[in-house]
Amino acid sequence: MKIKVKIVPRNVSQEVDVAVGATVLDLLRTIHLRPDAFIVLKNNIPIPVDDVLGDEQELCLLQVASGG
């Protein structure tokens, strides 16, 4: 399956191949991103890392920043 991702604030877009039945966590591991460093959005709504992906889905990966 192909998943389209946009990584914010890096402003990088890419298409990622994942297996059928892959989860958000599988996607993040495929592109070597830490799950605790990103909020994954589908249609501007956060989705959990155990959400199963569908073919041709478009996701936004919002990098989390923390500090004091």
C-alpha atoms as a PDB file:
ATOM      1  CA  MET A   1       0.000   0.000   0.000  1.00  0.00           C
ATOM      2  CA  LYS A   2       1.076   3.559  -0.582  1.00  0.00           C
ATOM      3  CA  ILE A   3       0.621   6.180   2.125  1.00  0.00           C
ATOM      4  CA  LYS A   4       1.194   9.882   1.478  1.00  0.00           C
ATOM      5  CA  VAL A   5       2.742  11.711   4.416  1.00  0.00           C
ATOM      6  CA  LYS A   6       3.562  15.332   5.076  1.00  0.00           C
ATOM      7  CA  ILE A   7       5.978  16.023   7.921  1.00  0.00           C
ATOM      8  CA  VAL A   8       5.451  19.366   9.659  1.00  0.00           C
ATOM      9  CA  PRO A   9       7.334  21.651  10.408  1.00  0.00           C
ATOM     10  CA  ARG A  10      10.006  20.126   8.163  1.00  0.00           C
ATOM     11  CA  ASN A  11       7.644  20.739   5.232  1.00  0.00           C
ATOM     12  CA  VAL A  12       8.615  17.404   3.668  1.00  0.00           C
ATOM     13  CA  SER A  13       6.161  15.290   1.683  1.00  0.00           C
ATOM     14  CA  GLN A  14       6.754  11.712   0.627  1.00  0.00           C
ATOM     15  CA  GLU A  15       5.004   8.541  -0.396  1.00  0.00           C
ATOM     16  CA  VAL A  16       5.726   5.468   1.721  1.00  0.00           C
ATOM     17  CA  ASP A  17       5.134   1.803   0.886  1.00  0.00           C
ATOM     18  CA  VAL A  18       3.742  -0.263   3.759  1.00  0.00           C
ATOM     19  CA  ALA A  19       2.266  -3.750   3.991  1.00  0.00           C
ATOM     20  CA  VAL A  20      -1.473  -4.370   3.929  1.00  0.00           C
ATOM     21  CA  GLY A  21      -2.770  -4.167   7.491  1.00  0.00           C
ATOM     22  CA  ALA A  22       0.058  -1.885   8.617  1.00  0.00           C
ATOM     23  CA  THR A  23      -0.580   0.453  11.521  1.00  0.00           C
ATOM     24  CA  VAL A  24       0.491   4.033  12.131  1.00  0.00           C
ATOM     25  CA  LEU A  25       3.285   2.662  14.328  1.00  0.00           C
ATOM     26  CA  ASP A  26       4.507   0.481  11.438  1.00  0.00           C
ATOM     27  CA  LEU A  27       4.544   3.555   9.191  1.00  0.00           C
ATOM     28  CA  LEU A  28       6.574   5.588  11.669  1.00  0.00           C
ATOM     29  CA  ARG A  29       9.074   2.756  12.071  1.00  0.00           C
ATOM     30  CA  THR A  30       9.359   2.406   8.285  1.00  0.00           C
ATOM     31  CA  ILE A  31      10.411   6.040   7.914  1.00  0.00           C
ATOM     32  CA  HIS A  32      12.587   5.905  11.066  1.00  0.00           C
ATOM     33  CA  LEU A  33      10.586   8.360  13.184  1.00  0.00           C
ATOM     34  CA  ARG A  34       9.985   8.021  16.923  1.00  0.00           C
ATOM     35  CA  PRO A  35       6.286   7.554  17.763  1.00  0.00           C
ATOM     36  CA  ASP A  36       6.606   9.722  20.879  1.00  0.00           C
ATOM     37  CA  ALA A  37       7.955  12.632  18.809  1.00  0.00           C
ATOM     38  CA  PHE A  38       5.017  12.930  16.385  1.00  0.00           C
ATOM     39  CA  ILE A  39       1.259  13.373  16.425  1.00  0.00           C
ATOM     40  CA  VAL A  40      -0.324  11.705  13.396  1.00  0.00           C
ATOM     41  CA  LEU A  41      -3.301  13.494  11.865  1.00  0.00           C
ATOM     42  CA  LYS A  42      -5.862  12.201   9.380  1.00  0.00           C
ATOM     43  CA  ASN A  43      -8.204  14.926   8.091  1.00  0.00           C
ATOM     44  CA  ASN A  44      -6.796  17.202  10.832  1.00  0.00           C
ATOM     45  CA  ILE A  45      -7.870  14.747  13.552  1.00  0.00           C
ATOM     46  CA  PRO A  46      -5.276  12.925  15.707  1.00  0.00           C
ATOM     47  CA  ILE A  47      -5.268   9.154  15.292  1.00  0.00           C
ATOM     48  CA  PRO A  48      -3.715   6.522  17.589  1.00  0.00           C
ATOM     49  CA  VAL A  49      -0.584   4.577  16.674  1.00  0.00           C
ATOM     50  CA  ASP A  50      -2.561   1.308  16.573  1.00  0.00           C
ATOM     51  CA  ASP A  51      -4.906   2.637  13.845  1.00  0.00           C
ATOM     52  CA  VAL A  52      -4.798   0.417  10.721  1.00  0.00           C
ATOM     53  CA  LEU A  53      -3.905   2.297   7.543  1.00  0.00           C
ATOM     54  CA  GLY A  54      -5.757   2.179   4.234  1.00  0.00           C
ATOM     55  CA  ASP A  55      -4.316   2.364   0.728  1.00  0.00           C
ATOM     56  CA  GLU A  56      -3.724   5.886  -0.635  1.00  0.00           C
ATOM     57  CA  GLN A  57      -4.325   7.498   2.766  1.00  0.00           C
ATOM     58  CA  GLU A  58      -2.947  10.986   3.321  1.00  0.00           C
ATOM     59  CA  LEU A  59      -1.528  11.748   6.749  1.00  0.00           C
ATOM     60  CA  CYS A  60       0.116  14.727   8.403  1.00  0.00           C
ATOM     61  CA  LEU A  61       2.913  14.012  10.879  1.00  0.00           C
ATOM     62  CA  LEU A  62       3.181  16.884  13.316  1.00  0.00           C
ATOM     63  CA  GLN A  63       6.477  16.991  15.171  1.00  0.00           C
ATOM     64  CA  VAL A  64       6.081  17.574  18.893  1.00  0.00           C
ATOM     65  CA  ALA A  65       8.277  20.150  20.597  1.00  0.00           C
ATOM     66  CA  SER A  66       8.677  20.533  24.309  1.00  0.00           C
ATOM     67  CA  GLY A  67      10.829  22.603  26.525  1.00  0.00           C
ATOM     68  CA  GLY A  68      10.820  25.154  29.208  1.00  0.00           C
END
